[in-house]
Protein backbone atom coordinates (compact mmCIF):
# COMPACT_ATOMS: atom_id res chain seq x y z
CA MET A 1 -18.00 14.30 -20.49
CA ASN A 2 -21.37 13.83 -22.10
CA LEU A 3 -23.92 15.86 -20.16
CA ASP A 4 -26.85 15.96 -22.56
CA ASP A 5 -29.13 14.21 -20.03
CA THR A 6 -28.36 16.71 -17.26
CA LYS A 7 -30.99 19.44 -16.99
CA ALA A 8 -30.74 21.89 -14.10
CA GLY A 9 -33.63 24.01 -12.91
CA ASN A 10 -33.16 27.71 -12.30
CA ALA A 11 -32.41 27.20 -8.57
CA GLU A 12 -30.43 23.95 -8.72
CA ALA A 13 -27.01 22.74 -9.81
CA TYR A 14 -25.32 19.45 -10.56
CA ARG A 15 -21.61 18.93 -9.83
CA PHE A 16 -19.48 16.27 -11.49
CA THR A 17 -16.15 15.93 -9.65
CA PRO A 18 -13.36 13.55 -10.72
CA VAL A 19 -11.55 12.22 -7.65
CA LEU A 20 -8.28 10.31 -7.30
CA ARG A 21 -8.39 7.79 -4.46
CA SER A 22 -5.70 5.52 -3.04
CA ALA A 23 -4.67 4.14 0.36
CA GLY A 24 -6.83 6.49 2.40
CA ARG A 25 -6.01 9.58 0.33
CA LEU A 26 -8.22 11.77 -1.81
CA GLN A 27 -7.47 14.41 -4.37
CA GLU A 28 -10.42 16.17 -5.89
CA LEU A 29 -10.04 17.68 -9.33
CA PRO A 30 -12.01 20.74 -10.47
CA ALA A 31 -15.68 19.96 -10.94
CA VAL A 32 -17.81 20.46 -14.03
CA VAL A 33 -21.00 22.23 -12.95
CA VAL A 34 -24.36 22.28 -14.71
CA SER A 35 -26.28 25.12 -13.06
CA GLY A 36 -29.34 27.28 -13.29
CA ARG A 37 -28.65 31.03 -13.50
CA ARG A 38 -30.16 31.88 -10.11
CA ARG A 39 -28.25 29.04 -8.41
CA ALA A 40 -24.98 30.15 -10.03
CA ARG A 41 -25.42 33.76 -8.86
CA ALA A 42 -26.19 32.60 -5.32
CA ASP A 43 -23.13 30.31 -5.22
CA HIS A 44 -20.88 33.07 -6.55
CA ARG A 45 -22.20 35.55 -3.99
CA GLN A 46 -21.73 33.09 -1.10
CA GLN A 47 -18.12 32.32 -2.09
CA ALA A 48 -17.35 36.04 -2.36
CA LEU A 49 -18.83 36.91 1.05
CA GLN A 50 -17.90 33.72 2.94
CA PRO A 51 -14.95 32.03 1.19
CA ALA A 52 -14.84 28.29 1.86
CA SER A 53 -11.53 26.78 2.98
CA GLY A 54 -9.94 24.67 0.27
CA TYR A 55 -12.35 25.95 -2.41
CA ILE A 56 -11.48 24.69 -5.91
CA PRO A 57 -12.94 26.78 -8.74
CA PRO A 58 -15.02 24.76 -11.22
CA TYR A 59 -13.35 23.51 -14.37
CA ARG A 60 -16.33 24.87 -16.27
CA THR A 61 -19.86 25.96 -15.41
CA LEU A 62 -22.54 25.18 -18.00
CA TYR A 63 -25.88 26.95 -17.94
CA ALA A 64 -29.27 25.80 -19.08
CA ARG A 65 -29.28 27.89 -22.24
CA ASN A 66 -26.79 27.84 -25.10
CA ARG A 67 -24.60 25.18 -23.53
CA LYS A 68 -22.66 22.37 -25.10
CA ASP A 69 -23.73 18.91 -23.99
CA SER A 70 -20.26 17.41 -24.39
CA ILE A 71 -16.94 18.85 -23.21
CA ASN A 72 -13.35 17.65 -23.21
CA TYR A 73 -11.90 17.64 -19.69
CA HIS A 74 -8.13 18.09 -19.31
CA VAL A 75 -6.36 18.98 -16.07
CA SER A 76 -2.67 18.74 -15.18
CA ILE A 77 -1.68 18.09 -11.58
CA ALA A 78 1.59 17.42 -9.77
CA TYR A 79 2.52 13.75 -9.51
CA SER A 80 2.80 12.13 -6.11
CA PRO A 81 3.89 8.47 -5.63
CA TRP A 82 0.61 7.44 -3.96
CA MET A 83 -1.13 8.12 -7.30
CA GLU A 84 0.72 5.28 -9.04
CA HIS A 85 -2.09 2.77 -8.42
CA ALA A 86 -4.85 5.22 -7.55
CA SER A 87 -8.39 4.76 -8.83
CA LEU A 88 -10.34 7.48 -10.61
CA VAL A 89 -13.98 7.94 -9.67
CA LEU A 90 -16.64 10.47 -10.58
CA MET A 91 -18.65 11.98 -7.72
CA ARG A 92 -22.11 13.24 -8.72
CA GLU A 93 -23.86 15.82 -6.50
CA GLN A 94 -27.06 17.84 -6.70
CA ARG A 95 -27.54 21.17 -4.96
CA ASP A 96 -30.61 23.32 -4.49
CA CYS A 97 -31.31 26.27 -2.24
CA CYS A 98 -31.06 24.32 1.01
CA ARG A 99 -28.93 21.21 0.66
CA MET A 100 -26.26 19.29 -1.21
CA GLU A 101 -27.03 15.64 -1.95
CA ILE A 102 -24.57 13.01 -3.23
CA LEU A 103 -26.24 11.15 -6.07
CA GLY A 104 -23.53 8.54 -6.51
CA VAL A 105 -19.86 7.74 -6.95
CA GLU A 106 -19.04 5.98 -10.21
CA PRO A 107 -15.74 4.13 -10.79
CA LEU A 108 -14.05 5.23 -14.01
CA ILE A 109 -10.60 3.60 -13.82
CA ALA A 110 -9.84 0.94 -11.20
CA ASP A 111 -6.06 1.32 -11.41
CA LEU A 112 -4.31 4.18 -13.18
CA ALA A 113 -1.08 2.10 -13.28
CA VAL A 114 1.03 5.22 -13.71
CA ASN A 115 4.73 4.66 -14.30
CA SER A 116 6.66 6.82 -11.86
CA PRO A 117 8.12 9.82 -13.72
CA PHE A 118 10.57 10.36 -10.88
CA LYS A 119 14.11 10.09 -12.23
CA VAL A 120 16.06 12.80 -10.44
CA PRO A 121 14.73 15.27 -7.86
CA GLN A 122 12.97 18.14 -9.59
CA GLU A 123 14.97 20.67 -7.59
CA GLN A 124 18.01 19.58 -9.60
CA ILE A 125 16.48 20.84 -12.87
CA ALA A 126 16.87 24.56 -13.39
CA VAL A 127 13.87 26.49 -14.67
CA SER A 128 15.91 27.72 -17.63
CA GLN A 129 16.65 24.10 -18.58
CA VAL A 130 12.97 23.19 -18.49
CA GLU A 131 12.06 26.16 -20.64
CA THR A 132 14.61 25.16 -23.27
CA MET A 133 13.39 21.56 -23.34
CA ILE A 134 9.66 22.35 -23.72
CA PRO A 135 8.25 24.84 -26.22
CA GLN A 136 6.42 27.62 -24.41
CA GLU A 137 3.11 26.89 -26.09
CA GLN A 138 3.19 23.26 -24.83
CA ILE A 139 3.66 24.07 -21.14
CA ASN A 140 0.56 23.19 -19.09
CA VAL A 141 0.50 25.06 -15.81
CA PRO A 142 -0.97 22.74 -13.17
CA GLN A 143 -3.95 24.09 -11.30
CA VAL A 144 -3.63 24.35 -7.55
CA ILE A 145 -5.43 21.32 -6.18
CA GLU A 146 -5.80 20.58 -2.51
CA GLU A 147 -4.78 17.05 -1.47
CA ARG A 148 -6.22 15.57 1.69
CA ARG A 149 -6.34 12.29 3.55
CA GLU A 150 -9.54 10.28 3.61
CA THR A 151 -10.05 9.62 7.30
CA VAL A 152 -12.78 8.64 9.70
CA THR A 153 -12.75 10.90 12.73
CA ASP A 154 -12.33 9.06 16.00
CA HIS A 155 -14.06 11.37 18.49
CA ARG A 156 -12.66 9.43 21.43
CA LYS A 157 -9.17 10.46 20.35
CA MET A 158 -10.07 14.01 19.30
CA LYS A 159 -12.26 15.04 22.21
CA ASN A 160 -9.55 16.52 24.41
CA THR A 161 -6.74 16.78 21.89
CA PRO A 162 -5.85 20.28 20.67
CA GLU A 163 -4.96 20.77 17.03
CA CYS A 164 -1.35 19.75 16.47
CA VAL A 165 0.46 22.44 14.47
CA PRO A 166 4.24 22.06 14.58
CA CYS A 167 6.20 25.26 15.08
CA ALA A 168 9.83 25.86 14.09
CA GLU A 169 10.84 25.41 17.71
CA CYS A 170 9.25 21.95 17.91
CA THR A 171 10.47 20.66 14.56
CA ALA A 172 14.03 21.46 15.57
CA MET A 173 13.59 19.30 18.69
CA VAL A 174 12.67 15.98 17.08
CA THR A 175 15.15 13.11 16.93
CA TYR A 176 16.77 11.90 13.73
CA LEU A 177 19.09 8.93 14.05
CA THR A 178 21.79 7.93 11.57
CA PRO A 179 21.75 4.24 10.58
CA GLU A 180 24.91 2.19 10.38
CA MET A 181 26.24 1.47 6.94
CA GLU A 182 24.78 -1.80 5.64
CA THR A 183 27.77 -3.25 3.81
CA LEU A 184 26.09 -6.53 2.79
CA LYS A 185 22.44 -6.05 1.91
CA HIS A 186 21.30 -9.64 2.22
CA ARG A 187 17.56 -10.02 1.72
CA SER A 188 15.09 -12.89 1.69
CA GLU A 189 11.60 -12.74 0.18
CA SER A 190 8.85 -15.29 -0.27
CA ALA A 191 5.78 -15.84 -2.39
CA THR A 192 2.97 -18.36 -1.89
CA LEU A 193 1.39 -19.60 -5.11
CA TYR A 194 -1.80 -21.60 -5.63
CA ILE A 195 -1.18 -23.36 -8.93
CA ASP A 196 -3.83 -25.41 -10.75
CA TYR A 197 -2.88 -28.54 -12.70
CA PRO A 198 -4.72 -30.69 -15.25
CA THR A 199 -5.46 -34.18 -13.97
CA GLY A 200 -2.34 -36.32 -13.84
CA ILE A 201 -0.08 -33.42 -14.90
CA TYR A 202 2.69 -31.83 -12.81
CA ASP A 203 4.06 -29.31 -15.29
CA VAL A 204 3.27 -25.63 -14.67
CA ARG A 205 0.94 -24.26 -17.33
CA ARG A 206 0.68 -20.49 -17.18
CA ASP A 207 -2.60 -20.24 -19.09
CA PHE A 208 -4.41 -22.97 -17.14
CA HIS A 209 -7.27 -21.71 -14.94
CA ASN A 210 -6.04 -18.95 -12.58
CA ASN A 211 -2.33 -19.69 -12.95
CA ARG A 212 -1.45 -16.49 -14.80
CA SER A 213 -2.50 -14.21 -11.94
CA GLU A 214 -0.77 -16.47 -9.40
CA LEU A 215 2.47 -16.52 -11.37
CA GLU A 216 2.40 -12.74 -11.64
CA LYS A 217 3.15 -12.71 -7.90
CA LEU A 218 6.36 -14.55 -8.67
CA ASP A 219 7.05 -12.26 -11.63
CA SER A 220 6.91 -9.18 -9.40
CA LEU A 221 9.31 -10.81 -6.92
CA MET A 222 11.81 -12.08 -9.51
CA ARG A 223 11.78 -9.29 -12.09
CA PRO A 224 13.94 -6.76 -10.18
CA LEU A 225 16.29 -9.56 -9.11
CA THR A 226 16.95 -10.83 -12.62
CA LYS A 227 16.81 -7.61 -14.68
CA GLY A 228 18.99 -4.53 -14.63
CA ASN A 229 21.92 -5.76 -12.52
CA LEU A 230 20.27 -4.66 -9.28
CA ALA A 231 20.92 -7.78 -7.21
CA SER A 232 22.53 -11.22 -7.26
CA ILE A 233 20.55 -14.30 -6.19
CA SER A 234 22.27 -16.58 -3.70
CA ASP A 235 19.68 -19.33 -3.17
CA ILE A 236 16.11 -20.34 -4.02
CA SER A 237 14.02 -22.69 -1.86
CA ILE A 238 10.90 -24.36 -3.26
CA CYS A 239 8.52 -26.32 -1.06
CA GLY A 240 5.46 -28.14 -2.36
CA TYR A 241 2.53 -28.70 0.02
CA ALA A 242 -0.41 -31.09 -0.25
CA SER A 243 -3.58 -31.18 1.84
CA PRO A 244 -4.38 -34.13 4.17
CA ASP A 245 -7.22 -35.59 2.07
CA GLY A 246 -6.30 -38.80 0.23
CA THR A 247 -3.67 -41.40 1.07
CA TYR A 248 -0.33 -40.31 2.49
CA LYS A 249 1.57 -42.07 -0.30
CA ASP A 250 -0.40 -40.30 -3.05
CA ASN A 251 0.05 -36.95 -1.33
CA GLU A 252 3.78 -37.60 -0.97
CA ILE A 253 4.14 -38.23 -4.71
CA LEU A 254 1.93 -35.24 -5.54
CA ALA A 255 3.77 -32.70 -3.37
CA SER A 256 7.21 -33.97 -4.42
CA ASN A 257 6.51 -33.99 -8.16
CA ARG A 258 4.90 -30.57 -8.15
CA ALA A 259 7.83 -29.02 -6.26
CA ARG A 260 10.31 -30.69 -8.62
CA CYS A 261 8.45 -29.51 -11.73
CA PHE A 262 8.13 -26.02 -10.34
CA LYS A 263 11.91 -25.90 -10.00
CA GLU A 264 12.18 -26.81 -13.69
CA TYR A 265 9.74 -24.02 -14.50
CA MET A 266 11.81 -21.46 -12.54
CA CYS A 267 15.05 -22.65 -14.15
CA ALA A 268 13.54 -22.13 -17.61
CA THR A 269 11.76 -18.87 -16.82
CA TYR A 270 13.93 -16.94 -14.39
CA VAL A 271 17.26 -18.33 -13.17
CA PRO A 272 19.09 -21.30 -14.67
CA GLY A 273 21.58 -23.20 -12.55
CA HIS A 274 20.40 -26.17 -10.54
CA GLY A 275 22.92 -25.48 -7.77
CA LEU A 276 20.89 -22.47 -6.62
CA TYR A 277 17.79 -24.49 -5.84
CA LYS A 278 16.75 -26.43 -2.78
CA VAL A 279 13.58 -28.47 -3.27
CA SER A 280 11.44 -30.01 -0.51
CA SER A 281 7.85 -31.12 0.04
CA VAL A 282 5.26 -31.62 2.77
CA PRO A 283 2.90 -34.50 1.90
CA GLU A 284 0.17 -33.53 4.39
CA ASP A 285 0.31 -30.00 5.74
CA TRP A 286 -1.28 -30.47 9.15
CA ASP A 287 0.78 -27.60 10.63
CA GLY A 288 -0.66 -25.31 7.99
CA LEU A 289 -4.17 -26.49 8.86
CA VAL A 290 -3.57 -25.70 12.54
CA GLU A 291 -2.47 -22.16 11.65
CA LEU A 292 -5.50 -21.67 9.39
CA LEU A 293 -7.89 -22.83 12.12
CA LYS A 294 -6.31 -20.39 14.59
CA GLN A 295 -6.56 -17.50 12.14
CA HIS A 296 -10.03 -18.39 10.82
CA PRO A 297 -11.92 -20.37 13.48
CA MET A 298 -14.72 -22.72 12.49
CA LYS A 299 -17.48 -24.36 14.46
CA HIS A 300 -16.00 -27.25 16.50
CA GLY A 301 -12.56 -25.90 15.59
CA ASP A 302 -11.24 -26.40 19.13
CA GLU A 303 -12.19 -30.07 18.96
CA VAL A 304 -10.40 -30.42 15.62
CA LEU A 305 -7.25 -28.84 17.06
CA SER A 306 -7.44 -31.10 20.08
CA LEU A 307 -7.79 -34.19 17.91
CA ILE A 308 -4.81 -33.18 15.77
CA ALA A 309 -2.70 -32.71 18.90
CA ARG A 310 -3.72 -36.11 20.39
CA VAL A 311 -3.80 -38.43 17.38
CA GLY A 312 -0.84 -39.08 15.09
CA ILE A 313 -0.94 -38.97 11.29
CA PHE A 314 -0.64 -42.75 11.02
CA GLU A 315 -2.92 -43.46 13.99
CA GLY A 316 -6.23 -42.79 12.29
CA ARG A 317 -6.29 -38.98 12.58
CA GLU A 318 -8.01 -38.37 9.25
CA LYS A 319 -10.54 -41.17 9.81
CA GLN A 320 -11.56 -39.68 13.16
CA LEU A 321 -11.97 -36.28 11.51
CA MET A 322 -14.23 -37.88 8.89
CA ASP A 323 -16.41 -39.40 11.60
CA MET A 324 -16.70 -36.22 13.69
CA TYR A 325 -20.32 -34.97 13.82
CA GLY A 326 -21.42 -37.25 11.01
CA GLY A 327 -18.85 -35.90 8.54
CA THR A 328 -20.06 -32.29 8.61
CA VAL A 329 -16.79 -31.03 10.07
CA TYR A 330 -14.65 -32.88 7.52
CA ARG A 331 -16.79 -31.64 4.62
CA GLU A 332 -16.26 -28.06 5.80
CA LEU A 333 -12.51 -28.66 6.05
CA LEU A 334 -12.52 -30.20 2.60
CA LYS A 335 -14.39 -27.24 1.10
CA ASP A 336 -12.97 -24.20 2.92
CA TYR A 337 -9.59 -25.14 4.41
CA PHE A 338 -7.87 -27.90 2.45
CA PRO A 339 -7.67 -25.90 -0.85
CA GLN A 340 -5.59 -23.25 0.94
CA LEU A 341 -3.04 -25.90 1.91
CA ARG A 342 -2.28 -27.00 -1.67
CA ARG A 343 0.41 -24.55 -2.61
CA ILE A 344 3.98 -23.83 -3.64
CA ARG A 345 6.14 -21.70 -1.35
CA VAL A 346 9.11 -19.98 -3.01
CA THR A 347 11.78 -18.21 -0.93
CA VAL A 348 14.54 -16.28 -2.66
CA GLY A 349 17.74 -15.16 -0.95
CA TYR A 350 19.72 -12.39 -2.64
CA GLU A 351 22.15 -9.56 -2.11
CA ALA A 352 21.36 -6.10 -3.45
CA ARG A 353 24.27 -4.01 -4.67
CA ALA A 354 25.05 -0.48 -3.47
CA PHE A 355 23.18 2.35 -5.21
CA ASN A 356 24.09 5.96 -5.82
CA ILE A 357 21.71 8.78 -4.94
CA GLU A 358 20.10 9.00 -8.39
CA GLU A 359 19.42 5.26 -8.49
CA ALA A 360 18.06 5.30 -4.95
CA ALA A 361 15.72 8.19 -5.79
CA SER A 362 14.16 6.08 -8.54
CA LEU A 363 14.15 2.74 -6.71
CA ILE A 364 12.49 4.03 -3.55
CA TYR A 365 9.17 4.20 -5.44
CA THR A 366 9.63 1.06 -7.54
CA HIS A 367 11.77 -1.47 -5.60
CA PRO A 368 12.41 0.01 -2.14
CA ARG A 369 13.25 -3.39 -0.65
CA LEU A 370 16.59 -3.25 -2.51
CA LEU A 371 17.71 -0.15 -0.60
CA SER A 372 19.33 0.22 2.78
CA LEU A 373 18.03 2.68 5.34
CA GLN A 374 21.00 4.94 4.67
CA GLU A 375 20.26 4.98 0.93
CA MET A 376 16.63 5.84 1.62
CA TYR A 377 17.54 8.70 3.92
CA ARG A 378 19.84 10.18 1.30
CA VAL A 379 16.76 10.54 -0.91
CA ALA A 380 14.91 12.33 1.91
CA ALA A 381 17.67 14.95 1.97
CA PHE A 382 16.40 16.23 -1.39
CA TYR A 383 13.18 17.45 0.20
CA ARG A 384 12.37 20.16 2.69
CA PRO A 385 11.54 18.76 6.17
CA GLY A 386 7.81 18.87 6.82
CA THR A 387 6.81 18.32 3.18
CA GLU A 388 4.70 15.37 2.06
CA GLN A 389 7.60 13.91 0.04
CA TYR A 390 9.98 14.14 2.99
CA ARG A 391 7.49 12.36 5.23
CA GLU A 392 6.79 9.76 2.56
CA VAL A 393 10.41 8.63 2.30
CA TYR A 394 10.65 8.05 6.05
CA GLU A 395 7.34 6.17 6.11
CA ILE A 396 8.47 3.95 3.22
CA ALA A 397 11.60 3.17 5.25
CA ALA A 398 9.54 2.25 8.33
CA TYR A 399 7.21 0.09 6.24
CA HIS A 400 10.07 -1.94 4.76
CA PHE A 401 12.00 -2.13 8.06
CA PRO A 402 9.05 -2.62 10.46
CA ASP A 403 11.14 -4.12 13.27
CA ASP A 404 13.91 -1.55 13.12
CA ALA A 405 13.66 0.86 16.08
CA LEU A 406 15.68 3.53 14.30
CA ALA A 407 13.37 3.47 11.26
CA ASN A 408 10.28 3.86 13.46
CA ILE A 409 11.78 6.72 15.49
CA ASN A 410 12.81 8.60 12.34
CA ALA A 411 9.37 8.03 10.79
CA ALA A 412 7.76 9.42 13.96
CA SER A 413 9.95 12.51 13.70
CA ALA A 414 9.01 13.03 10.05
CA VAL A 415 5.25 12.77 10.68
CA ILE A 416 5.50 15.04 13.73
CA MET A 417 7.01 17.68 11.42
CA ALA A 418 4.11 17.10 9.02
CA GLY A 419 1.58 17.68 11.83
CA ASP A 420 0.25 14.14 12.25
CA PRO A 421 0.37 13.22 15.96
CA ILE A 422 -1.78 10.08 15.57
CA SER A 423 0.64 8.42 13.12
CA ALA A 424 3.60 9.59 15.19
CA ARG A 425 2.24 7.87 18.28
CA GLN A 426 1.69 4.64 16.32
CA TYR A 427 5.36 4.58 15.33
CA LEU A 428 6.58 5.53 18.81
CA ASP A 429 4.42 2.97 20.60
CA LYS A 430 6.36 0.23 18.76
CA VAL A 431 9.60 1.42 20.38
CA ALA A 432 8.39 2.83 23.69
CA ASP A 433 11.09 0.93 25.59
CA ASP A 434 13.90 2.38 23.48
CA PRO A 435 15.48 5.43 25.23
CA ARG A 436 16.16 6.99 21.82
CA ALA A 437 12.41 7.40 21.34
CA TRP A 438 11.77 9.27 24.60
CA ASN A 439 12.71 12.68 23.25
CA ASP A 440 10.10 12.36 20.48
CA PHE A 441 7.52 11.33 23.07
CA GLY A 442 8.29 14.62 24.81
CA VAL A 443 7.96 16.66 21.61
CA LEU A 444 4.65 14.96 20.86
CA ALA A 445 3.29 15.71 24.34
CA TYR A 446 4.49 19.30 24.00
CA LEU A 447 2.69 19.70 20.67
CA GLU A 448 -0.49 18.24 22.13
CA GLY A 449 -0.43 20.82 24.92
CA ASP A 450 0.52 18.49 27.79
CA ARG A 451 3.51 20.41 29.18
CA LYS A 452 3.73 18.33 32.32
CA LYS A 453 3.94 15.06 30.40
CA ALA A 454 6.42 16.62 27.99
CA GLU A 455 8.67 17.61 30.89
CA GLU A 456 8.57 14.07 32.24
CA TRP A 457 9.64 12.63 28.89
CA PHE A 458 12.38 15.21 28.37
CA ARG A 459 13.85 14.59 31.83
CA LYS A 460 13.68 10.84 31.22
CA ALA A 461 15.44 11.25 27.86
CA LEU A 462 18.05 13.58 29.36
CA ALA A 463 18.90 11.02 32.02
């Protein structure tokens, strides 16, 4: 940090705090403080007499006199999976005798892109083994840093809700369900790609316009399926779509040729074997346009939808759209909607193999979609119930199996144990009609102080 432009008066201080941010979470690192002597004494006295909750001692405090203008900042902290694609920002604050003012938040690194160091659970490594692997002088002892969630308080929810602090009695009451063994882990995943082509060309050119970033979507889908013997691909479907502008015949040729050439690209890049592929095309994607108009309404959109429903493709539908309101509607469709219809849709069917506990522990943070619920829950057994890691495994499971009642009930139980009633209710509301969830509804009501409601749920669950 170069701080040569930072001059603090005797009664003021400047704080420079690096912060990790990702997916609604914050982790502040120790701040570097440039302070006047009087301000520093006052801050020290206040912390001694009235200690602040979650106080993190400064990394270094620099005073006006005899200070270095440049320091090397190095802090070690415990890794958590949410940090993998966290951003690093620098929060700048100024404090005087009466107030603290945020001067700005500057982005330093948009994406840390940390490779997960998680290979086997740390509890499996004895301290003596660690000490023999790492020379004593190289061991960096992580500072104790408080991690917190970045949330916006909803006062409507919090007004009459007591603080939810799970006790041992309550955590023993939550429901954990055992999933059935998934013998055949058949999966299907899709990617939608918007590929640009030179005029009159159908071949896929990775370096043309924005194609590289689009094809990276396909890379991330195909890489774990083609590397490392993790899964076997059973089928690949490729569909080429064209927008309604232009003649139907031209669009038919366009969509068909692009789908066919994309198959050749996938054969050469990822998986050879023409028998795996099924290629199709949609010359004019009117169904896609209808879905877009429903998701993103436009002015006169209802009239456009009505016209599409009444008039056939070969009965002058496009001509009537061109004439609507002097062409203004069609020009808007041409500019904002039709480009989203020109795409390639790739769907890959595959079967993931069975994984042992060590493999599952690594894959749950890199390729969780390859795991079964049972494999995920084996990883959770490495952690103490109520910890952030324990909760995280169950939430990953619920995210990747969003329609599975068992996954949502178990995730609710895990977040109840972590003291998060709001998230627990979100999981339980998805499965409110499932009798297996009623016990957790009772525990949640009990934790929130509503004994009467808790009794109702418990009796309902008991029955």
